[in-house]
Amino acid sequence: MIPLVLISLTLAVLYWFPIRRWYRRWGATAADLTRKIPGDAGIVDPTYSTTLAVTVDARPEHIWPWLVQMGYQRGGLYSYDWLDRLFGFLDRPSANCILPQFQRLEVGDEIPIGRGGGFPVKAMEANRSLVLGGESDGQFAWVWQFGLYPIEKDRTRLVSRNSARVQKTVSSWLFMRVLEPAAFIMTRRMLIGLKDRAEGLAARERARSIRAA
């Protein structure tokens, strides 16, 4: 019995400290963690916050169209499509091309998601930042935001920050413990999906420029 308790305690400590710390900061540098993104003021003293980031070998304007068109019956979420479709968030694979009909997005719009409420657009600046957020009966508030930061002529840091404020109850605590790793898995894959698509778009533009020269 004692060895089993020690093993369980060791696994719990390993998860709570190095593993949980790693996936809540995946890909993020010290600069990414301290960046101020417009939606940061949306939630004061969040009970949950995570910052994930990736370097994209493309300019912000190659990333932005994919963000603008995401959503149900739009461009998708660029994550694990089979999981998003299984749980009813999407009805088709994520797009691999720019969809002109979904390139108009404004503050006050709601990015549709197949199951549950959509993602209300709280703030945005083209090629710079997109802030999504919502609140439910004052019991739960969340902000999901993307920041695009050029680091070289043709490279960009793409930062995703998720913050939430939930009730300090046992059920809320347990809910967040389940949500955290699931959100990490899907968000990480989304960032990689955005990176691949943006780099592909940049490569196609370079190829067209070479052919036209």
C-alpha atoms as a PDB file:
ATOM      1  CA  MET A   1       0.000   0.000   0.000  1.00  0.00           C
ATOM      2  CA  ILE A   2       2.747   2.466   0.951  1.00  0.00           C
ATOM      3  CA  PRO A   3       4.702   2.054  -2.334  1.00  0.00           C
ATOM      4  CA  LEU A   4       1.459   2.629  -4.272  1.00  0.00           C
ATOM      5  CA  VAL A   5       0.802   5.824  -2.317  1.00  0.00           C
ATOM      6  CA  LEU A   6       4.369   7.031  -2.916  1.00  0.00           C
ATOM      7  CA  ILE A   7       4.131   6.269  -6.633  1.00  0.00           C
ATOM      8  CA  SER A   8       0.815   8.125  -6.891  1.00  0.00           C
ATOM      9  CA  LEU A   9       2.200  11.096  -4.973  1.00  0.00           C
ATOM     10  CA  THR A  10       5.339  11.187  -7.141  1.00  0.00           C
ATOM     11  CA  LEU A  11       3.305  11.097 -10.349  1.00  0.00           C
ATOM     12  CA  ALA A  12       1.014  13.848  -9.048  1.00  0.00           C
ATOM     13  CA  VAL A  13       3.976  16.077  -8.172  1.00  0.00           C
ATOM     14  CA  LEU A  14       5.631  15.458 -11.551  1.00  0.00           C
ATOM     15  CA  TYR A  15       2.424  16.340 -13.353  1.00  0.00           C
ATOM     16  CA  TRP A  16       1.613  19.427 -11.300  1.00  0.00           C
ATOM     17  CA  PHE A  17       5.026  21.033 -11.521  1.00  0.00           C
ATOM     18  CA  PRO A  18       7.272  20.199 -14.525  1.00  0.00           C
ATOM     19  CA  ILE A  19       4.642  18.713 -16.875  1.00  0.00           C
ATOM     20  CA  ARG A  20       1.866  21.206 -16.206  1.00  0.00           C
ATOM     21  CA  ARG A  21       4.315  24.103 -16.259  1.00  0.00           C
ATOM     22  CA  TRP A  22       5.662  22.878 -19.616  1.00  0.00           C
ATOM     23  CA  TYR A  23       2.330  22.580 -21.412  1.00  0.00           C
ATOM     24  CA  ARG A  24       1.062  25.911 -20.084  1.00  0.00           C
ATOM     25  CA  ARG A  25       4.094  27.625 -21.627  1.00  0.00           C
ATOM     26  CA  TRP A  26       4.755  25.462 -24.675  1.00  0.00           C
ATOM     27  CA  GLY A  27       6.976  27.253 -27.183  1.00  0.00           C
ATOM     28  CA  ALA A  28       6.838  30.540 -25.280  1.00  0.00           C
ATOM     29  CA  THR A  29       9.951  32.566 -24.524  1.00  0.00           C
ATOM     30  CA  ALA A  30      10.363  34.878 -21.553  1.00  0.00           C
ATOM     31  CA  ALA A  31       9.460  37.759 -23.875  1.00  0.00           C
ATOM     32  CA  ASP A  32       6.275  35.991 -25.009  1.00  0.00           C
ATOM     33  CA  LEU A  33       5.180  35.388 -21.429  1.00  0.00           C
ATOM     34  CA  THR A  34       5.520  39.066 -20.513  1.00  0.00           C
ATOM     35  CA  ARG A  35       4.077  40.526 -23.720  1.00  0.00           C
ATOM     36  CA  LYS A  36       1.061  42.767 -23.286  1.00  0.00           C
ATOM     37  CA  ILE A  37      -1.744  41.713 -25.630  1.00  0.00           C
ATOM     38  CA  PRO A  38      -4.867  43.912 -25.898  1.00  0.00           C
ATOM     39  CA  GLY A  39      -7.143  41.345 -24.249  1.00  0.00           C
ATOM     40  CA  ASP A  40      -5.055  41.037 -21.088  1.00  0.00           C
ATOM     41  CA  ALA A  41      -7.190  43.665 -19.359  1.00  0.00           C
ATOM     42  CA  GLY A  42     -10.336  41.637 -20.045  1.00  0.00           C
ATOM     43  CA  ILE A  43      -9.830  39.387 -17.036  1.00  0.00           C
ATOM     44  CA  VAL A  44      -8.342  40.643 -13.796  1.00  0.00           C
ATOM     45  CA  ASP A  45      -6.605  38.010 -11.645  1.00  0.00           C
ATOM     46  CA  PRO A  46      -7.445  34.993 -13.848  1.00  0.00           C
ATOM     47  CA  THR A  47      -7.675  31.623 -12.164  1.00  0.00           C
ATOM     48  CA  TYR A  48      -6.225  30.047 -15.298  1.00  0.00           C
ATOM     49  CA  SER A  49      -3.786  31.418 -17.829  1.00  0.00           C
ATOM     50  CA  THR A  50      -1.603  29.858 -20.480  1.00  0.00           C
ATOM     51  CA  THR A  51       0.641  31.237 -23.206  1.00  0.00           C
ATOM     52  CA  LEU A  52       1.712  29.125 -26.180  1.00  0.00           C
ATOM     53  CA  ALA A  53       3.801  30.335 -29.103  1.00  0.00           C
ATOM     54  CA  VAL A  54       5.459  29.296 -32.333  1.00  0.00           C
ATOM     55  CA  THR A  55       7.786  30.925 -34.861  1.00  0.00           C
ATOM     56  CA  VAL A  56       6.302  31.146 -38.339  1.00  0.00           C
ATOM     57  CA  ASP A  57       8.587  31.566 -41.336  1.00  0.00           C
ATOM     58  CA  ALA A  58       6.211  34.048 -42.925  1.00  0.00           C
ATOM     59  CA  ARG A  59       5.003  37.606 -42.436  1.00  0.00           C
ATOM     60  CA  PRO A  60       1.926  38.522 -40.342  1.00  0.00           C
ATOM     61  CA  GLU A  61      -0.125  39.106 -43.490  1.00  0.00           C
ATOM     62  CA  HIS A  62       0.367  35.438 -44.369  1.00  0.00           C
ATOM     63  CA  ILE A  63      -1.040  34.367 -40.990  1.00  0.00           C
ATOM     64  CA  TRP A  64      -3.887  36.832 -40.578  1.00  0.00           C
ATOM     65  CA  PRO A  65      -6.247  35.515 -43.333  1.00  0.00           C
ATOM     66  CA  TRP A  66      -6.301  32.073 -41.695  1.00  0.00           C
ATOM     67  CA  LEU A  67      -7.278  33.562 -38.329  1.00  0.00           C
ATOM     68  CA  VAL A  68     -10.007  35.739 -39.838  1.00  0.00           C
ATOM     69  CA  GLN A  69     -11.715  32.851 -41.622  1.00  0.00           C
ATOM     70  CA  MET A  70     -11.669  30.273 -38.836  1.00  0.00           C
ATOM     71  CA  GLY A  71     -14.889  28.764 -37.483  1.00  0.00           C
ATOM     72  CA  TYR A  72     -17.713  26.324 -38.159  1.00  0.00           C
ATOM     73  CA  GLN A  73     -18.713  26.168 -41.832  1.00  0.00           C
ATOM     74  CA  ARG A  74     -15.846  28.568 -42.455  1.00  0.00           C
ATOM     75  CA  GLY A  75     -12.127  27.810 -42.420  1.00  0.00           C
ATOM     76  CA  GLY A  76     -12.172  25.432 -39.464  1.00  0.00           C
ATOM     77  CA  LEU A  77      -9.847  25.444 -36.461  1.00  0.00           C
ATOM     78  CA  TYR A  78      -6.681  23.974 -38.045  1.00  0.00           C
ATOM     79  CA  SER A  79      -6.277  21.507 -35.180  1.00  0.00           C
ATOM     80  CA  TYR A  80      -7.116  17.797 -35.027  1.00  0.00           C
ATOM     81  CA  ASP A  81     -10.067  17.946 -37.402  1.00  0.00           C
ATOM     82  CA  TRP A  82     -11.244  14.443 -36.618  1.00  0.00           C
ATOM     83  CA  LEU A  83     -11.614  15.351 -32.936  1.00  0.00           C
ATOM     84  CA  ASP A  84     -13.318  18.672 -33.671  1.00  0.00           C
ATOM     85  CA  ARG A  85     -15.740  16.897 -35.980  1.00  0.00           C
ATOM     86  CA  LEU A  86     -16.281  14.025 -33.527  1.00  0.00           C
ATOM     87  CA  PHE A  87     -17.366  16.454 -30.797  1.00  0.00           C
ATOM     88  CA  GLY A  88     -19.452  18.549 -33.169  1.00  0.00           C
ATOM     89  CA  PHE A  89     -17.314  21.695 -33.283  1.00  0.00           C
ATOM     90  CA  LEU A  90     -16.731  21.392 -37.041  1.00  0.00           C
ATOM     91  CA  ASP A  91     -18.607  19.785 -39.916  1.00  0.00           C
ATOM     92  CA  ARG A  92     -15.755  19.516 -42.408  1.00  0.00           C
ATOM     93  CA  PRO A  93     -11.943  19.466 -42.584  1.00  0.00           C
ATOM     94  CA  SER A  94     -10.144  22.766 -41.991  1.00  0.00           C
ATOM     95  CA  ALA A  95      -9.457  24.783 -45.113  1.00  0.00           C
ATOM     96  CA  ASN A  96      -6.104  24.650 -46.870  1.00  0.00           C
ATOM     97  CA  CYS A  97      -6.744  27.758 -48.928  1.00  0.00           C
ATOM     98  CA  ILE A  98      -7.824  31.334 -48.298  1.00  0.00           C
ATOM     99  CA  LEU A  99     -11.616  31.726 -48.496  1.00  0.00           C
ATOM    100  CA  PRO A 100     -12.388  35.252 -49.778  1.00  0.00           C
ATOM    101  CA  GLN A 101     -16.011  35.106 -48.587  1.00  0.00           C
ATOM    102  CA  PHE A 102     -14.848  34.840 -44.966  1.00  0.00           C
ATOM    103  CA  GLN A 103     -12.207  37.566 -44.928  1.00  0.00           C
ATOM    104  CA  ARG A 104     -14.456  40.201 -43.357  1.00  0.00           C
ATOM    105  CA  LEU A 105     -14.401  40.118 -39.561  1.00  0.00           C
ATOM    106  CA  GLU A 106     -15.275  42.955 -37.205  1.00  0.00           C
ATOM    107  CA  VAL A 107     -15.530  43.635 -33.491  1.00  0.00           C
ATOM    108  CA  GLY A 108     -18.939  42.419 -32.348  1.00  0.00           C
ATOM    109  CA  ASP A 109     -19.018  39.492 -34.777  1.00  0.00           C
ATOM    110  CA  GLU A 110     -19.155  35.961 -33.442  1.00  0.00           C
ATOM    111  CA  ILE A 111     -17.009  33.222 -34.907  1.00  0.00           C
ATOM    112  CA  PRO A 112     -19.383  30.238 -35.071  1.00  0.00           C
ATOM    113  CA  ILE A 113     -18.594  26.919 -33.450  1.00  0.00           C
ATOM    114  CA  GLY A 114     -20.810  23.946 -34.186  1.00  0.00           C
ATOM    115  CA  ARG A 115     -21.501  22.941 -30.593  1.00  0.00           C
ATOM    116  CA  GLY A 116     -22.288  25.539 -27.938  1.00  0.00           C
ATOM    117  CA  GLY A 117     -21.764  29.269 -28.221  1.00  0.00           C
ATOM    118  CA  GLY A 118     -19.393  30.868 -30.673  1.00  0.00           C
ATOM    119  CA  PHE A 119     -16.307  33.031 -30.114  1.00  0.00           C
ATOM    120  CA  PRO A 120     -17.310  36.729 -29.790  1.00  0.00           C
ATOM    121  CA  VAL A 121     -14.760  39.125 -31.275  1.00  0.00           C
ATOM    122  CA  LYS A 122     -13.836  41.651 -28.576  1.00  0.00           C
ATOM    123  CA  ALA A 123     -10.983  43.495 -30.289  1.00  0.00           C
ATOM    124  CA  MET A 124      -8.829  43.169 -33.368  1.00  0.00           C
ATOM    125  CA  GLU A 125      -6.113  44.928 -35.308  1.00  0.00           C
ATOM    126  CA  ALA A 126      -5.373  43.547 -38.738  1.00  0.00           C
ATOM    127  CA  ASN A 127      -2.078  41.619 -38.904  1.00  0.00           C
ATOM    128  CA  ARG A 128      -1.451  42.409 -35.223  1.00  0.00           C
ATOM    129  CA  SER A 129      -3.965  40.912 -32.798  1.00  0.00           C
ATOM    130  CA  LEU A 130      -7.292  39.115 -32.474  1.00  0.00           C
ATOM    131  CA  VAL A 131      -9.096  39.000 -29.127  1.00  0.00           C
ATOM    132  CA  LEU A 132     -12.001  36.639 -28.481  1.00  0.00           C
ATOM    133  CA  GLY A 133     -13.882  36.436 -25.212  1.00  0.00           C
ATOM    134  CA  GLY A 134     -17.100  35.783 -23.383  1.00  0.00           C
ATOM    135  CA  GLU A 135     -18.820  35.472 -20.022  1.00  0.00           C
ATOM    136  CA  SER A 136     -21.502  33.167 -18.640  1.00  0.00           C
ATOM    137  CA  ASP A 137     -23.816  34.513 -15.913  1.00  0.00           C
ATOM    138  CA  GLY A 138     -20.889  36.071 -14.120  1.00  0.00           C
ATOM    139  CA  GLN A 139     -19.702  32.586 -13.139  1.00  0.00           C
ATOM    140  CA  PHE A 140     -17.215  32.025 -15.915  1.00  0.00           C
ATOM    141  CA  ALA A 141     -15.279  34.509 -18.044  1.00  0.00           C
ATOM    142  CA  TRP A 142     -12.681  33.784 -20.697  1.00  0.00           C
ATOM    143  CA  VAL A 143     -10.390  35.520 -23.162  1.00  0.00           C
ATOM    144  CA  TRP A 144      -8.566  33.820 -26.024  1.00  0.00           C
ATOM    145  CA  GLN A 145      -6.234  36.030 -27.975  1.00  0.00           C
ATOM    146  CA  PHE A 146      -3.669  35.812 -30.730  1.00  0.00           C
ATOM    147  CA  GLY A 147      -0.739  38.183 -31.151  1.00  0.00           C
ATOM    148  CA  LEU A 148       1.458  38.450 -34.257  1.00  0.00           C
ATOM    149  CA  TYR A 149       4.953  39.864 -33.715  1.00  0.00           C
ATOM    150  CA  PRO A 150       7.438  40.257 -36.587  1.00  0.00           C
ATOM    151  CA  ILE A 151      10.946  39.232 -35.536  1.00  0.00           C
ATOM    152  CA  GLU A 152      12.664  39.408 -38.917  1.00  0.00           C
ATOM    153  CA  LYS A 153      11.680  40.432 -42.431  1.00  0.00           C
ATOM    154  CA  ASP A 154       9.935  37.139 -43.151  1.00  0.00           C
ATOM    155  CA  ARG A 155       9.432  35.615 -39.709  1.00  0.00           C
ATOM    156  CA  THR A 156       6.747  36.128 -37.077  1.00  0.00           C
ATOM    157  CA  ARG A 157       6.084  35.029 -33.533  1.00  0.00           C
ATOM    158  CA  LEU A 158       2.512  33.754 -33.265  1.00  0.00           C
ATOM    159  CA  VAL A 159       1.354  33.851 -29.645  1.00  0.00           C
ATOM    160  CA  SER A 160      -1.834  32.320 -28.259  1.00  0.00           C
ATOM    161  CA  ARG A 161      -2.915  33.335 -24.757  1.00  0.00           C
ATOM    162  CA  ASN A 162      -5.861  31.814 -22.934  1.00  0.00           C
ATOM    163  CA  SER A 163      -7.138  33.268 -19.679  1.00  0.00           C
ATOM    164  CA  ALA A 164     -10.187  32.382 -17.608  1.00  0.00           C
ATOM    165  CA  ARG A 165     -11.849  33.265 -14.343  1.00  0.00           C
ATOM    166  CA  VAL A 166     -13.934  30.524 -12.752  1.00  0.00           C
ATOM    167  CA  GLN A 167     -15.641  30.049  -9.431  1.00  0.00           C
ATOM    168  CA  LYS A 168     -13.439  28.774  -6.651  1.00  0.00           C
ATOM    169  CA  THR A 169     -15.336  25.545  -6.117  1.00  0.00           C
ATOM    170  CA  VAL A 170     -14.305  21.905  -6.160  1.00  0.00           C
ATOM    171  CA  SER A 171     -16.331  21.216  -9.305  1.00  0.00           C
ATOM    172  CA  SER A 172     -14.761  24.182 -11.130  1.00  0.00           C
ATOM    173  CA  TRP A 173     -11.296  23.095 -10.032  1.00  0.00           C
ATOM    174  CA  LEU A 174     -11.868  19.565 -11.325  1.00  0.00           C
ATOM    175  CA  PHE A 175     -13.339  20.905 -14.584  1.00  0.00           C
ATOM    176  CA  MET A 176     -10.263  23.042 -15.225  1.00  0.00           C
ATOM    177  CA  ARG A 177      -7.914  20.132 -14.504  1.00  0.00           C
ATOM    178  CA  VAL A 178      -9.623  18.166 -17.277  1.00  0.00           C
ATOM    179  CA  LEU A 179      -9.832  21.160 -19.617  1.00  0.00           C
ATOM    180  CA  GLU A 180      -6.182  22.245 -19.320  1.00  0.00           C
ATOM    181  CA  PRO A 181      -4.451  19.296 -21.051  1.00  0.00           C
ATOM    182  CA  ALA A 182      -7.226  19.004 -23.646  1.00  0.00           C
ATOM    183  CA  ALA A 183      -6.948  22.722 -24.471  1.00  0.00           C
ATOM    184  CA  PHE A 184      -3.166  22.405 -24.742  1.00  0.00           C
ATOM    185  CA  ILE A 185      -3.333  19.486 -27.159  1.00  0.00           C
ATOM    186  CA  MET A 186      -5.812  21.228 -29.459  1.00  0.00           C
ATOM    187  CA  THR A 187      -4.247  24.698 -29.272  1.00  0.00           C
ATOM    188  CA  ARG A 188      -0.742  23.401 -29.905  1.00  0.00           C
ATOM    189  CA  ARG A 189      -1.958  21.571 -33.004  1.00  0.00           C
ATOM    190  CA  MET A 190      -3.835  24.685 -34.118  1.00  0.00           C
ATOM    191  CA  LEU A 191      -0.687  26.809 -33.905  1.00  0.00           C
ATOM    192  CA  ILE A 192       1.204  24.227 -35.956  1.00  0.00           C
ATOM    193  CA  GLY A 193      -1.674  24.149 -38.450  1.00  0.00           C
ATOM    194  CA  LEU A 194      -1.574  27.928 -38.781  1.00  0.00           C
ATOM    195  CA  LYS A 195       2.204  27.858 -39.153  1.00  0.00           C
ATOM    196  CA  ASP A 196       2.075  25.258 -41.938  1.00  0.00           C
ATOM    197  CA  ARG A 197      -0.650  27.106 -43.822  1.00  0.00           C
ATOM    198  CA  ALA A 198       0.981  30.526 -43.504  1.00  0.00           C
ATOM    199  CA  GLU A 199       4.358  29.203 -44.620  1.00  0.00           C
ATOM    200  CA  GLY A 200       2.706  27.473 -47.556  1.00  0.00           C
ATOM    201  CA  LEU A 201       0.974  30.714 -48.557  1.00  0.00           C
ATOM    202  CA  ALA A 202       4.258  32.632 -48.326  1.00  0.00           C
ATOM    203  CA  ALA A 203       6.035  30.003 -50.424  1.00  0.00           C
ATOM    204  CA  ARG A 204       3.359  30.174 -53.129  1.00  0.00           C
ATOM    205  CA  GLU A 205       3.644  33.970 -53.248  1.00  0.00           C
ATOM    206  CA  ARG A 206       7.430  33.738 -53.594  1.00  0.00           C
ATOM    207  CA  ALA A 207       7.043  31.224 -56.415  1.00  0.00           C
ATOM    208  CA  ARG A 208       4.633  33.505 -58.262  1.00  0.00           C
ATOM    209  CA  SER A 209       7.029  36.435 -57.866  1.00  0.00           C
ATOM    210  CA  ILE A 210       9.897  34.382 -59.294  1.00  0.00           C
ATOM    211  CA  ARG A 211       7.815  33.280 -62.282  1.00  0.00           C
ATOM    212  CA  ALA A 212       6.697  36.859 -62.920  1.00  0.00           C
ATOM    213  CA  ALA A 213      10.256  38.242 -62.747  1.00  0.00           C
END
